């Protein structure tokens, strides 16, 4: 996994394949895997969650907790 973070964009890659992206807007961060705007820290969590789902599956305890954190936002 590699997470590249710049001032206006974040890209998560696994085996050099883009898995998820995030783009900064004036109102927050728009993540390709989520329905709402997030702050910077929640965006990093959402991208980490995307990687965790791929490597550990939907029933992984970390996946479930991170989803709960993001939902409580």
Protein backbone atom coordinates (compact mmCIF):
# COMPACT_ATOMS: atom_id res chain seq x y z
CA UNK A 1 0.00 0.00 0.00
CA UNK A 2 1.13 3.50 -0.75
CA UNK A 3 -0.66 6.66 0.22
CA UNK A 4 0.46 9.80 -1.59
CA UNK A 5 -0.71 13.03 0.02
CA UNK A 6 -0.38 16.47 -1.54
CA UNK A 7 -2.05 19.73 -0.64
CA UNK A 8 -5.12 19.05 -2.82
CA UNK A 9 -5.15 15.32 -3.55
CA UNK A 10 -4.65 11.95 -1.91
CA UNK A 11 -4.19 8.70 -3.81
CA UNK A 12 -4.16 5.20 -2.32
CA UNK A 13 -2.46 2.54 -4.42
CA UNK A 14 -2.06 -1.19 -3.83
CA UNK A 15 0.45 -2.98 -6.06
CA UNK A 16 0.71 0.25 -8.11
CA UNK A 17 -3.06 0.17 -8.82
CA UNK A 18 -5.10 3.21 -7.72
CA UNK A 19 -7.71 1.97 -5.24
CA UNK A 20 -9.21 5.20 -3.92
CA UNK A 21 -8.67 8.93 -4.32
CA UNK A 22 -9.59 12.08 -2.48
CA UNK A 23 -9.76 15.62 -3.79
CA UNK A 24 -9.78 18.78 -1.70
CA UNK A 25 -12.62 21.22 -2.28
CA UNK A 26 -13.38 24.53 -0.62
CA UNK A 27 -15.79 22.70 1.73
CA UNK A 28 -13.66 19.64 2.59
CA UNK A 29 -12.30 16.44 1.08
CA UNK A 30 -14.31 14.35 -1.40
CA UNK A 31 -13.33 10.67 -1.21
CA UNK A 32 -14.09 8.36 -4.13
CA UNK A 33 -15.30 5.63 -1.75
CA UNK A 34 -17.66 7.76 0.34
CA UNK A 35 -20.83 9.81 -0.03
CA UNK A 36 -19.97 12.93 1.98
CA UNK A 37 -17.27 15.51 2.50
CA UNK A 38 -14.69 14.78 5.18
CA UNK A 39 -11.98 16.66 7.02
CA UNK A 40 -8.34 15.79 6.34
CA UNK A 41 -7.98 13.24 9.15
CA UNK A 42 -11.23 11.46 8.31
CA UNK A 43 -10.12 11.35 4.67
CA UNK A 44 -6.95 9.51 5.63
CA UNK A 45 -9.06 7.10 7.70
CA UNK A 46 -11.41 6.53 4.74
CA UNK A 47 -8.49 5.74 2.44
CA UNK A 48 -6.97 3.40 5.02
CA UNK A 49 -10.38 1.74 5.34
CA UNK A 50 -10.48 1.12 1.57
CA UNK A 51 -7.14 -0.68 1.78
CA UNK A 52 -8.17 -2.66 4.86
CA UNK A 53 -11.35 -3.91 3.16
CA UNK A 54 -9.26 -5.24 0.27
CA UNK A 55 -6.73 -6.99 2.49
CA UNK A 56 -8.92 -8.17 5.40
CA UNK A 57 -12.54 -8.16 4.21
CA UNK A 58 -15.75 -6.51 5.33
CA UNK A 59 -16.00 -8.42 8.64
CA UNK A 60 -12.62 -7.26 9.96
CA UNK A 61 -12.97 -5.52 13.38
CA UNK A 62 -10.90 -2.52 12.20
CA UNK A 63 -13.11 -2.13 9.13
CA UNK A 64 -16.24 -2.12 11.27
CA UNK A 65 -14.79 0.38 13.77
CA UNK A 66 -13.44 2.78 11.14
CA UNK A 67 -16.81 2.72 9.39
CA UNK A 68 -18.49 3.57 12.70
CA UNK A 69 -16.04 6.43 13.28
CA UNK A 70 -16.66 7.86 9.82
CA UNK A 71 -20.44 7.56 10.20
CA UNK A 72 -20.37 9.43 13.53
CA UNK A 73 -18.26 12.08 11.81
